[in-house]
Amino acid sequence: MNSLFIAMISFFFKEEVLDNSVYPVLVDFWAPWCGPRMVGPVVDEIANEYQKSIKVVKINTDENPSVVTEYSIRSIPTLMIFKDGKRVDTVIGAVPKSTLASTIDKYLN
């Protein structure tokens, strides 16, 4: 399985994230106006290293207000991990790769 990168629109969220029971899903909520994307390269590295274990989805918050509202996104970047269609963890702000990796590792079988 290859990690999936999508500039998503809301109606794919259910299909790609909530209905996925095969892999944990790392969702990167981002916005084009949010300064230098320090977490972007970290998410890309994680996607590369975990490509057989997780799915990675990137959501532009400006283009997906209903998903942003539903999950109460108040800060960018926000990273959420979903497993079996349920949000199981949230990481807010730019974090080191090691922090994100250890958070993901908790949800791998």
PDB file of N, CA and C in Angstrom:
ATOM      1  N   MET A   1       0.839  -1.188   0.000  1.00  0.00           N
ATOM      2  CA  MET A   1       0.000   0.000   0.000  1.00  0.00           C
ATOM      3  C   MET A   1       0.875   1.240   0.000  1.00  0.00           C
ATOM      4  N   ASN A   2       0.532   2.206  -0.790  1.00  0.00           N
ATOM      5  CA  ASN A   2       1.239   3.472  -0.782  1.00  0.00           C
ATOM      6  C   ASN A   2       0.406   4.495  -0.037  1.00  0.00           C
ATOM      7  N   SER A   3       1.089   5.368   0.706  1.00  0.00           N
ATOM      8  CA  SER A   3       0.365   6.436   1.378  1.00  0.00           C
ATOM      9  C   SER A   3      -0.290   7.317   0.334  1.00  0.00           C
ATOM     10  N   LEU A   4      -1.415   7.869   0.694  1.00  0.00           N
ATOM     11  CA  LEU A   4      -2.202   8.644  -0.242  1.00  0.00           C
ATOM     12  C   LEU A   4      -2.178  10.109   0.149  1.00  0.00           C
ATOM     13  N   PHE A   5      -1.797  10.961  -0.774  1.00  0.00           N
ATOM     14  CA  PHE A   5      -1.815  12.401  -0.524  1.00  0.00           C
ATOM     15  C   PHE A   5      -2.927  12.996  -1.372  1.00  0.00           C
ATOM     16  N   ILE A   6      -3.848  13.691  -0.726  1.00  0.00           N
ATOM     17  CA  ILE A   6      -4.966  14.275  -1.440  1.00  0.00           C
ATOM     18  C   ILE A   6      -5.196  15.691  -0.933  1.00  0.00           C
ATOM     19  N   ALA A   7      -5.405  16.626  -1.844  1.00  0.00           N
ATOM     20  CA  ALA A   7      -5.949  17.919  -1.448  1.00  0.00           C
ATOM     21  C   ALA A   7      -7.449  17.680  -1.438  1.00  0.00           C
ATOM     22  N   MET A   8      -7.971  17.264  -0.323  1.00  0.00           N
ATOM     23  CA  MET A   8      -9.316  16.709  -0.240  1.00  0.00           C
ATOM     24  C   MET A   8     -10.425  17.731  -0.253  1.00  0.00           C
ATOM     25  N   ILE A   9     -11.538  17.278  -0.746  1.00  0.00           N
ATOM     26  CA  ILE A   9     -12.766  18.029  -0.563  1.00  0.00           C
ATOM     27  C   ILE A   9     -13.631  17.214   0.377  1.00  0.00           C
ATOM     28  N   SER A  10     -14.500  17.867   1.069  1.00  0.00           N
ATOM     29  CA  SER A  10     -15.224  17.272   2.186  1.00  0.00           C
ATOM     30  C   SER A  10     -15.898  15.951   1.899  1.00  0.00           C
ATOM     31  N   PHE A  11     -16.489  15.795   0.727  1.00  0.00           N
ATOM     32  CA  PHE A  11     -17.260  14.570   0.515  1.00  0.00           C
ATOM     33  C   PHE A  11     -16.388  13.329   0.383  1.00  0.00           C
ATOM     34  N   PHE A  12     -15.073  13.465   0.228  1.00  0.00           N
ATOM     35  CA  PHE A  12     -14.183  12.307   0.232  1.00  0.00           C
ATOM     36  C   PHE A  12     -13.733  11.933   1.642  1.00  0.00           C
ATOM     37  N   PHE A  13     -13.947  12.802   2.610  1.00  0.00           N
ATOM     38  CA  PHE A  13     -13.455  12.558   3.955  1.00  0.00           C
ATOM     39  C   PHE A  13     -14.019  11.251   4.521  1.00  0.00           C
ATOM     40  N   LYS A  14     -15.308  11.053   4.356  1.00  0.00           N
ATOM     41  CA  LYS A  14     -15.932   9.832   4.883  1.00  0.00           C
ATOM     42  C   LYS A  14     -15.324   8.596   4.221  1.00  0.00           C
ATOM     43  N   GLU A  15     -15.231   8.621   2.922  1.00  0.00           N
ATOM     44  CA  GLU A  15     -14.710   7.472   2.177  1.00  0.00           C
ATOM     45  C   GLU A  15     -13.246   7.181   2.497  1.00  0.00           C
ATOM     46  N   GLU A  16     -12.399   8.196   2.484  1.00  0.00           N
ATOM     47  CA  GLU A  16     -10.959   8.008   2.637  1.00  0.00           C
ATOM     48  C   GLU A  16     -10.491   7.858   4.077  1.00  0.00           C
ATOM     49  N   VAL A  17     -11.232   8.442   5.020  1.00  0.00           N
ATOM     50  CA  VAL A  17     -10.785   8.449   6.414  1.00  0.00           C
ATOM     51  C   VAL A  17     -11.716   7.622   7.298  1.00  0.00           C
ATOM     52  N   LEU A  18     -12.975   7.982   7.330  1.00  0.00           N
ATOM     53  CA  LEU A  18     -13.896   7.343   8.268  1.00  0.00           C
ATOM     54  C   LEU A  18     -14.257   5.907   7.894  1.00  0.00           C
ATOM     55  N   ASP A  19     -14.350   5.614   6.611  1.00  0.00           N
ATOM     56  CA  ASP A  19     -14.709   4.258   6.179  1.00  0.00           C
ATOM     57  C   ASP A  19     -13.504   3.340   6.031  1.00  0.00           C
ATOM     58  N   ASN A  20     -12.315   3.832   6.320  1.00  0.00           N
ATOM     59  CA  ASN A  20     -11.102   3.031   6.185  1.00  0.00           C
ATOM     60  C   ASN A  20     -10.878   2.218   7.459  1.00  0.00           C
ATOM     61  N   SER A  21     -11.008   0.904   7.342  1.00  0.00           N
ATOM     62  CA  SER A  21     -10.767   0.052   8.508  1.00  0.00           C
ATOM     63  C   SER A  21      -9.518  -0.804   8.321  1.00  0.00           C
ATOM     64  N   VAL A  22      -8.760  -0.531   7.259  1.00  0.00           N
ATOM     65  CA  VAL A  22      -7.569  -1.331   6.969  1.00  0.00           C
ATOM     66  C   VAL A  22      -6.331  -0.749   7.644  1.00  0.00           C
ATOM     67  N   TYR A  23      -6.143   0.560   7.527  1.00  0.00           N
ATOM     68  CA  TYR A  23      -4.945   1.219   8.039  1.00  0.00           C
ATOM     69  C   TYR A  23      -5.323   2.411   8.903  1.00  0.00           C
ATOM     70  N   PRO A  24      -4.480   2.741   9.886  1.00  0.00           N
ATOM     71  CA  PRO A  24      -4.664   4.040  10.546  1.00  0.00           C
ATOM     72  C   PRO A  24      -4.454   5.143   9.500  1.00  0.00           C
ATOM     73  N   VAL A  25      -5.126   6.261   9.696  1.00  0.00           N
ATOM     74  CA  VAL A  25      -5.030   7.382   8.758  1.00  0.00           C
ATOM     75  C   VAL A  25      -4.496   8.599   9.508  1.00  0.00           C
ATOM     76  N   LEU A  26      -3.420   9.166   8.995  1.00  0.00           N
ATOM     77  CA  LEU A  26      -2.876  10.418   9.513  1.00  0.00           C
ATOM     78  C   LEU A  26      -3.434  11.538   8.644  1.00  0.00           C
ATOM     79  N   VAL A  27      -4.172  12.453   9.264  1.00  0.00           N
ATOM     80  CA  VAL A  27      -4.760  13.573   8.532  1.00  0.00           C
ATOM     81  C   VAL A  27      -4.019  14.847   8.924  1.00  0.00           C
ATOM     82  N   ASP A  28      -3.472  15.507   7.915  1.00  0.00           N
ATOM     83  CA  ASP A  28      -2.745  16.761   8.099  1.00  0.00           C
ATOM     84  C   ASP A  28      -3.654  17.903   7.665  1.00  0.00           C
ATOM     85  N   PHE A  29      -4.174  18.660   8.637  1.00  0.00           N
ATOM     86  CA  PHE A  29      -4.985  19.838   8.344  1.00  0.00           C
ATOM     87  C   PHE A  29      -4.035  21.018   8.189  1.00  0.00           C
ATOM     88  N   TRP A  30      -4.061  21.647   7.027  1.00  0.00           N
ATOM     89  CA  TRP A  30      -3.143  22.736   6.726  1.00  0.00           C
ATOM     90  C   TRP A  30      -3.889  23.861   6.012  1.00  0.00           C
ATOM     91  N   ALA A  31      -3.229  24.979   5.857  1.00  0.00           N
ATOM     92  CA  ALA A  31      -3.793  26.115   5.116  1.00  0.00           C
ATOM     93  C   ALA A  31      -2.669  26.807   4.358  1.00  0.00           C
ATOM     94  N   PRO A  32      -2.954  27.254   3.140  1.00  0.00           N
ATOM     95  CA  PRO A  32      -1.905  27.894   2.332  1.00  0.00           C
ATOM     96  C   PRO A  32      -1.385  29.190   2.934  1.00  0.00           C
ATOM     97  N   TRP A  33      -2.160  29.853   3.771  1.00  0.00           N
ATOM     98  CA  TRP A  33      -1.764  31.125   4.370  1.00  0.00           C
ATOM     99  C   TRP A  33      -0.907  30.943   5.619  1.00  0.00           C
ATOM    100  N   CYS A  34      -0.728  29.710   6.061  1.00  0.00           N
ATOM    101  CA  CYS A  34      -0.029  29.440   7.316  1.00  0.00           C
ATOM    102  C   CYS A  34       1.479  29.353   7.092  1.00  0.00           C
ATOM    103  N   GLY A  35       2.147  30.469   7.194  1.00  0.00           N
ATOM    104  CA  GLY A  35       3.604  30.587   7.153  1.00  0.00           C
ATOM    105  C   GLY A  35       4.373  29.425   6.558  1.00  0.00           C
ATOM    106  N   PRO A  36       5.638  29.316   6.893  1.00  0.00           N
ATOM    107  CA  PRO A  36       6.417  28.207   6.350  1.00  0.00           C
ATOM    108  C   PRO A  36       5.885  26.878   6.881  1.00  0.00           C
ATOM    109  N   ARG A  37       5.693  25.945   5.979  1.00  0.00           N
ATOM    110  CA  ARG A  37       5.123  24.638   6.344  1.00  0.00           C
ATOM    111  C   ARG A  37       6.197  23.752   6.935  1.00  0.00           C
ATOM    112  N   MET A  38       6.513  23.988   8.196  1.00  0.00           N
ATOM    113  CA  MET A  38       7.556  23.198   8.846  1.00  0.00           C
ATOM    114  C   MET A  38       7.131  21.754   9.065  1.00  0.00           C
ATOM    115  N   VAL A  39       5.836  21.530   9.261  1.00  0.00           N
ATOM    116  CA  VAL A  39       5.381  20.162   9.517  1.00  0.00           C
ATOM    117  C   VAL A  39       5.190  19.381   8.209  1.00  0.00           C
ATOM    118  N   GLY A  40       5.044  20.065   7.099  1.00  0.00           N
ATOM    119  CA  GLY A  40       4.844  19.399   5.809  1.00  0.00           C
ATOM    120  C   GLY A  40       5.931  18.394   5.475  1.00  0.00           C
ATOM    121  N   PRO A  41       7.207  18.778   5.541  1.00  0.00           N
ATOM    122  CA  PRO A  41       8.272  17.822   5.251  1.00  0.00           C
ATOM    123  C   PRO A  41       8.298  16.645   6.234  1.00  0.00           C
ATOM    124  N   VAL A  42       7.935  16.892   7.495  1.00  0.00           N
ATOM    125  CA  VAL A  42       7.887  15.820   8.493  1.00  0.00           C
ATOM    126  C   VAL A  42       6.802  14.819   8.115  1.00  0.00           C
ATOM    127  N   VAL A  43       5.632  15.316   7.730  1.00  0.00           N
ATOM    128  CA  VAL A  43       4.535  14.437   7.317  1.00  0.00           C
ATOM    129  C   VAL A  43       4.939  13.646   6.078  1.00  0.00           C
ATOM    130  N   ASP A  44       5.626  14.290   5.143  1.00  0.00           N
ATOM    131  CA  ASP A  44       6.083  13.589   3.937  1.00  0.00           C
ATOM    132  C   ASP A  44       7.062  12.466   4.276  1.00  0.00           C
ATOM    133  N   GLU A  45       7.977  12.727   5.200  1.00  0.00           N
ATOM    134  CA  GLU A  45       8.934  11.695   5.615  1.00  0.00           C
ATOM    135  C   GLU A  45       8.213  10.532   6.295  1.00  0.00           C
ATOM    136  N   ILE A  46       7.266  10.844   7.168  1.00  0.00           N
ATOM    137  CA  ILE A  46       6.482   9.801   7.849  1.00  0.00           C
ATOM    138  C   ILE A  46       5.722   8.973   6.813  1.00  0.00           C
ATOM    139  N   ALA A  47       5.114   9.633   5.848  1.00  0.00           N
ATOM    140  CA  ALA A  47       4.364   8.923   4.808  1.00  0.00           C
ATOM    141  C   ALA A  47       5.271   7.964   4.051  1.00  0.00           C
ATOM    142  N   ASN A  48       6.473   8.398   3.773  1.00  0.00           N
ATOM    143  CA  ASN A  48       7.444   7.561   3.065  1.00  0.00           C
ATOM    144  C   ASN A  48       7.859   6.358   3.907  1.00  0.00           C
ATOM    145  N   GLU A  49       8.177   6.601   5.153  1.00  0.00           N
ATOM    146  CA  GLU A  49       8.674   5.538   6.026  1.00  0.00           C
ATOM    147  C   GLU A  49       7.591   4.562   6.462  1.00  0.00           C
ATOM    148  N   TYR A  50       6.356   5.035   6.558  1.00  0.00           N
ATOM    149  CA  TYR A  50       5.252   4.194   7.026  1.00  0.00           C
ATOM    150  C   TYR A  50       4.316   3.792   5.881  1.00  0.00           C
ATOM    151  N   GLN A  51       4.805   3.840   4.654  1.00  0.00           N
ATOM    152  CA  GLN A  51       3.919   3.665   3.511  1.00  0.00           C
ATOM    153  C   GLN A  51       3.176   2.337   3.474  1.00  0.00           C
ATOM    154  N   LYS A  52       3.655   1.319   4.161  1.00  0.00           N
ATOM    155  CA  LYS A  52       2.949   0.034   4.188  1.00  0.00           C
ATOM    156  C   LYS A  52       2.073  -0.114   5.415  1.00  0.00           C
ATOM    157  N   SER A  53       2.055   0.905   6.285  1.00  0.00           N
ATOM    158  CA  SER A  53       1.352   0.782   7.558  1.00  0.00           C
ATOM    159  C   SER A  53       0.238   1.798   7.771  1.00  0.00           C
ATOM    160  N   ILE A  54       0.316   2.953   7.106  1.00  0.00           N
ATOM    161  CA  ILE A  54      -0.676   4.005   7.320  1.00  0.00           C
ATOM    162  C   ILE A  54      -1.066   4.638   5.992  1.00  0.00           C
ATOM    163  N   LYS A  55      -2.157   5.368   6.038  1.00  0.00           N
ATOM    164  CA  LYS A  55      -2.575   6.222   4.923  1.00  0.00           C
ATOM    165  C   LYS A  55      -2.387   7.655   5.407  1.00  0.00           C
ATOM    166  N   VAL A  56      -1.906   8.516   4.542  1.00  0.00           N
ATOM    167  CA  VAL A  56      -1.716   9.927   4.885  1.00  0.00           C
ATOM    168  C   VAL A  56      -2.591  10.769   3.969  1.00  0.00           C
ATOM    169  N   VAL A  57      -3.336  11.683   4.575  1.00  0.00           N
ATOM    170  CA  VAL A  57      -4.238  12.554   3.837  1.00  0.00           C
ATOM    171  C   VAL A  57      -3.976  13.987   4.278  1.00  0.00           C
ATOM    172  N   LYS A  58      -3.914  14.886   3.318  1.00  0.00           N
ATOM    173  CA  LYS A  58      -3.731  16.306   3.629  1.00  0.00           C
ATOM    174  C   LYS A  58      -5.004  17.044   3.249  1.00  0.00           C
ATOM    175  N   ILE A  59      -5.475  17.864   4.176  1.00  0.00           N
ATOM    176  CA  ILE A  59      -6.716  18.602   3.944  1.00  0.00           C
ATOM    177  C   ILE A  59      -6.465  20.103   4.063  1.00  0.00           C
ATOM    178  N   ASN A  60      -6.759  20.812   2.991  1.00  0.00           N
ATOM    179  CA  ASN A  60      -6.677  22.270   2.982  1.00  0.00           C
ATOM    180  C   ASN A  60      -7.902  22.787   3.736  1.00  0.00           C
ATOM    181  N   THR A  61      -7.678  23.413   4.887  1.00  0.00           N
ATOM    182  CA  THR A  61      -8.789  23.857   5.733  1.00  0.00           C
ATOM    183  C   THR A  61      -9.650  24.932   5.067  1.00  0.00           C
ATOM    184  N   ASP A  62      -9.056  25.741   4.203  1.00  0.00           N
ATOM    185  CA  ASP A  62      -9.822  26.785   3.522  1.00  0.00           C
ATOM    186  C   ASP A  62     -10.854  26.196   2.572  1.00  0.00           C
ATOM    187  N   GLU A  63     -10.557  25.039   2.017  1.00  0.00           N
ATOM    188  CA  GLU A  63     -11.446  24.410   1.037  1.00  0.00           C
ATOM    189  C   GLU A  63     -12.393  23.398   1.661  1.00  0.00           C
ATOM    190  N   ASN A  64     -12.273  23.158   2.958  1.00  0.00           N
ATOM    191  CA  ASN A  64     -13.070  22.134   3.618  1.00  0.00           C
ATOM    192  C   ASN A  64     -13.636  22.608   4.954  1.00  0.00           C
ATOM    193  N   PRO A  65     -14.412  23.670   4.951  1.00  0.00           N
ATOM    194  CA  PRO A  65     -14.893  24.228   6.214  1.00  0.00           C
ATOM    195  C   PRO A  65     -15.775  23.277   7.017  1.00  0.00           C
ATOM    196  N   SER A  66     -16.516  22.386   6.366  1.00  0.00           N
ATOM    197  CA  SER A  66     -17.394  21.502   7.134  1.00  0.00           C
ATOM    198  C   SER A  66     -16.590  20.487   7.951  1.00  0.00           C
ATOM    199  N   VAL A  67     -15.496  19.978   7.392  1.00  0.00           N
ATOM    200  CA  VAL A  67     -14.647  19.043   8.130  1.00  0.00           C
ATOM    201  C   VAL A  67     -13.937  19.780   9.262  1.00  0.00           C
ATOM    202  N   VAL A  68     -13.485  20.979   8.995  1.00  0.00           N
ATOM    203  CA  VAL A  68     -12.813  21.804  10.006  1.00  0.00           C
ATOM    204  C   VAL A  68     -13.754  22.066  11.185  1.00  0.00           C
ATOM    205  N   THR A  69     -14.987  22.408  10.895  1.00  0.00           N
ATOM    206  CA  THR A  69     -15.968  22.665  11.942  1.00  0.00           C
ATOM    207  C   THR A  69     -16.283  21.384  12.714  1.00  0.00           C
ATOM    208  N   GLU A  70     -16.497  20.306  12.007  1.00  0.00           N
ATOM    209  CA  GLU A  70     -16.852  19.037  12.653  1.00  0.00           C
ATOM    210  C   GLU A  70     -15.790  18.577  13.648  1.00  0.00           C
ATOM    211  N   TYR A  71     -14.515  18.797  13.328  1.00  0.00           N
ATOM    212  CA  TYR A  71     -13.429  18.356  14.200  1.00  0.00           C
ATOM    213  C   TYR A  71     -12.808  19.488  15.014  1.00  0.00           C
ATOM    214  N   SER A  72     -13.470  20.637  15.045  1.00  0.00           N
ATOM    215  CA  SER A  72     -13.065  21.782  15.867  1.00  0.00           C
ATOM    216  C   SER A  72     -11.601  22.157  15.675  1.00  0.00           C
ATOM    217  N   ILE A  73     -11.185  22.274  14.425  1.00  0.00           N
ATOM    218  CA  ILE A  73      -9.814  22.679  14.120  1.00  0.00           C
ATOM    219  C   ILE A  73      -9.693  24.174  14.406  1.00  0.00           C
ATOM    220  N   ARG A  74      -8.833  24.508  15.364  1.00  0.00           N
ATOM    221  CA  ARG A  74      -8.666  25.910  15.751  1.00  0.00           C
ATOM    222  C   ARG A  74      -7.243  26.404  15.536  1.00  0.00           C
ATOM    223  N   SER A  75      -6.363  25.494  15.203  1.00  0.00           N
ATOM    224  CA  SER A  75      -4.960  25.852  15.047  1.00  0.00           C
ATOM    225  C   SER A  75      -4.383  25.054  13.880  1.00  0.00           C
ATOM    226  N   ILE A  76      -3.526  25.709  13.143  1.00  0.00           N
ATOM    227  CA  ILE A  76      -2.878  25.074  11.997  1.00  0.00           C
ATOM    228  C   ILE A  76      -1.384  25.094  12.255  1.00  0.00           C
ATOM    229  N   PRO A  77      -0.669  24.021  12.066  1.00  0.00           N
ATOM    230  CA  PRO A  77      -1.153  22.716  11.611  1.00  0.00           C
ATOM    231  C   PRO A  77      -1.744  21.899  12.758  1.00  0.00           C
ATOM    232  N   THR A  78      -2.718  21.079  12.405  1.00  0.00           N
ATOM    233  CA  THR A  78      -3.267  20.080  13.308  1.00  0.00           C
ATOM    234  C   THR A  78      -3.169  18.747  12.591  1.00  0.00           C
ATOM    235  N   LEU A  79      -2.663  17.757  13.293  1.00  0.00           N
ATOM    236  CA  LEU A  79      -2.551  16.403  12.755  1.00  0.00           C
ATOM    237  C   LEU A  79      -3.447  15.506  13.588  1.00  0.00           C
ATOM    238  N   MET A  80      -4.278  14.720  12.932  1.00  0.00           N
ATOM    239  CA  MET A  80      -5.152  13.783  13.638  1.00  0.00           C
ATOM    240  C   MET A  80      -4.906  12.384  13.129  1.00  0.00           C
ATOM    241  N   ILE A  81      -5.014  11.435  14.038  1.00  0.00           N
ATOM    242  CA  ILE A  81      -4.897  10.034  13.663  1.00  0.00           C
ATOM    243  C   ILE A  81      -6.262   9.394  13.863  1.00  0.00           C
ATOM    244  N   PHE A  82      -6.721   8.720  12.810  1.00  0.00           N
ATOM    245  CA  PHE A  82      -7.981   7.998  12.847  1.00  0.00           C
ATOM    246  C   PHE A  82      -7.684   6.514  12.718  1.00  0.00           C
ATOM    247  N   LYS A  83      -8.408   5.713  13.483  1.00  0.00           N
ATOM    248  CA  LYS A  83      -8.284   4.262  13.372  1.00  0.00           C
ATOM    249  C   LYS A  83      -9.691   3.683  13.418  1.00  0.00           C
ATOM    250  N   ASP A  84      -9.993   2.834  12.446  1.00  0.00           N
ATOM    251  CA  ASP A  84     -11.334   2.250  12.335  1.00  0.00           C
ATOM    252  C   ASP A  84     -12.413   3.323  12.334  1.00  0.00           C
ATOM    253  N   GLY A  85     -12.131   4.439  11.654  1.00  0.00           N
ATOM    254  CA  GLY A  85     -13.111   5.502  11.497  1.00  0.00           C
ATOM    255  C   GLY A  85     -13.272   6.437  12.680  1.00  0.00           C
ATOM    256  N   LYS A  86     -12.472   6.251  13.721  1.00  0.00           N
ATOM    257  CA  LYS A  86     -12.581   7.097  14.905  1.00  0.00           C
ATOM    258  C   LYS A  86     -11.288   7.870  15.141  1.00  0.00           C
ATOM    259  N   ARG A  87     -11.440   9.105  15.545  1.00  0.00           N
ATOM    260  CA  ARG A  87     -10.265   9.900  15.897  1.00  0.00           C
ATOM    261  C   ARG A  87      -9.690   9.339  17.193  1.00  0.00           C
ATOM    262  N   VAL A  88      -8.407   8.982  17.156  1.00  0.00           N
ATOM    263  CA  VAL A  88      -7.779   8.396  18.337  1.00  0.00           C
ATOM    264  C   VAL A  88      -6.693   9.283  18.937  1.00  0.00           C
ATOM    265  N   ASP A  89      -6.219  10.257  18.172  1.00  0.00           N
ATOM    266  CA  ASP A  89      -5.178  11.136  18.708  1.00  0.00           C
ATOM    267  C   ASP A  89      -5.109  12.416  17.897  1.00  0.00           C
ATOM    268  N   THR A  90      -4.589  13.454  18.524  1.00  0.00           N
ATOM    269  CA  THR A  90      -4.419  14.756  17.878  1.00  0.00           C
ATOM    270  C   THR A  90      -3.077  15.339  18.295  1.00  0.00           C
ATOM    271  N   VAL A  91      -2.363  15.891  17.312  1.00  0.00           N
ATOM    272  CA  VAL A  91      -1.102  16.590  17.562  1.00  0.00           C
ATOM    273  C   VAL A  91      -1.267  17.984  16.972  1.00  0.00           C
ATOM    274  N   ILE A  92      -1.062  19.004  17.789  1.00  0.00           N
ATOM    275  CA  ILE A  92      -1.239  20.383  17.326  1.00  0.00           C
ATOM    276  C   ILE A  92       0.116  21.074  17.262  1.00  0.00           C
ATOM    277  N   GLY A  93       0.355  21.740  16.142  1.00  0.00           N
ATOM    278  CA  GLY A  93       1.585  22.496  15.964  1.00  0.00           C
ATOM    279  C   GLY A  93       2.676  21.681  15.297  1.00  0.00           C
ATOM    280  N   ALA A  94       3.755  22.361  15.003  1.00  0.00           N
ATOM    281  CA  ALA A  94       4.908  21.710  14.369  1.00  0.00           C
ATOM    282  C   ALA A  94       5.632  20.888  15.428  1.00  0.00           C
ATOM    283  N   VAL A  95       5.759  19.608  15.180  1.00  0.00           N
ATOM    284  CA  VAL A  95       6.425  18.708  16.123  1.00  0.00           C
ATOM    285  C   VAL A  95       7.568  17.998  15.415  1.00  0.00           C
ATOM    286  N   PRO A  96       8.550  17.531  16.179  1.00  0.00           N
ATOM    287  CA  PRO A  96       9.633  16.773  15.561  1.00  0.00           C
ATOM    288  C   PRO A  96       9.113  15.448  15.010  1.00  0.00           C
ATOM    289  N   LYS A  97       9.821  14.935  14.041  1.00  0.00           N
ATOM    290  CA  LYS A  97       9.457  13.665  13.431  1.00  0.00           C
ATOM    291  C   LYS A  97       9.357  12.556  14.467  1.00  0.00           C
ATOM    292  N   SER A  98      10.262  12.534  15.433  1.00  0.00           N
ATOM    293  CA  SER A  98      10.258  11.483  16.455  1.00  0.00           C
ATOM    294  C   SER A  98       8.968  11.503  17.277  1.00  0.00           C
ATOM    295  N   THR A  99       8.449  12.681  17.562  1.00  0.00           N
ATOM    296  CA  THR A  99       7.200  12.802  18.321  1.00  0.00           C
ATOM    297  C   THR A  99       6.038  12.253  17.519  1.00  0.00           C
ATOM    298  N   LEU A 100       5.976  12.630  16.247  1.00  0.00           N
ATOM    299  CA  LEU A 100       4.895  12.156  15.392  1.00  0.00           C
ATOM    300  C   LEU A 100       4.996  10.645  15.189  1.00  0.00           C
ATOM    301  N   ALA A 101       6.194  10.142  14.981  1.00  0.00           N
ATOM    302  CA  ALA A 101       6.388   8.704  14.787  1.00  0.00           C
ATOM    303  C   ALA A 101       5.966   7.919  16.021  1.00  0.00           C
ATOM    304  N   SER A 102       6.326   8.381  17.202  1.00  0.00           N
ATOM    305  CA  SER A 102       5.947   7.645  18.409  1.00  0.00           C
ATOM    306  C   SER A 102       4.439   7.694  18.635  1.00  0.00           C
ATOM    307  N   THR A 103       3.805   8.774  18.234  1.00  0.00           N
ATOM    308  CA  THR A 103       2.345   8.864  18.343  1.00  0.00           C
ATOM    309  C   THR A 103       1.687   7.861  17.387  1.00  0.00           C
ATOM    310  N   ILE A 104       2.173   7.782  16.173  1.00  0.00           N
ATOM    311  CA  ILE A 104       1.621   6.838  15.193  1.00  0.00           C
ATOM    312  C   ILE A 104       1.865   5.393  15.634  1.00  0.00           C
ATOM    313  N   ASP A 105       3.054   5.124  16.153  1.00  0.00           N
ATOM    314  CA  ASP A 105       3.409   3.756  16.563  1.00  0.00           C
ATOM    315  C   ASP A 105       2.421   3.170  17.565  1.00  0.00           C
ATOM    316  N   LYS A 106       1.799   4.015  18.383  1.00  0.00           N
ATOM    317  CA  LYS A 106       0.839   3.528  19.373  1.00  0.00           C
ATOM    318  C   LYS A 106      -0.371   2.862  18.722  1.00  0.00           C
ATOM    319  N   TYR A 107      -0.650   3.181  17.459  1.00  0.00           N
ATOM    320  CA  TYR A 107      -1.882   2.716  16.812  1.00  0.00           C
ATOM    321  C   TYR A 107      -1.637   1.657  15.734  1.00  0.00           C
ATOM    322  N   LEU A 108      -0.403   1.215  15.611  1.00  0.00           N
ATOM    323  CA  LEU A 108      -0.090   0.154  14.651  1.00  0.00           C
ATOM    324  C   LEU A 108      -0.198  -1.194  15.343  1.00  0.00           C
ATOM    325  N   ASN A 109      -0.763  -2.152  14.647  1.00  0.00           N
ATOM    326  CA  ASN A 109      -0.902  -3.503  15.235  1.00  0.00           C
ATOM    327  C   ASN A 109       0.310  -4.335  14.932  1.00  0.00           C
TER     328      ASN A 109
END
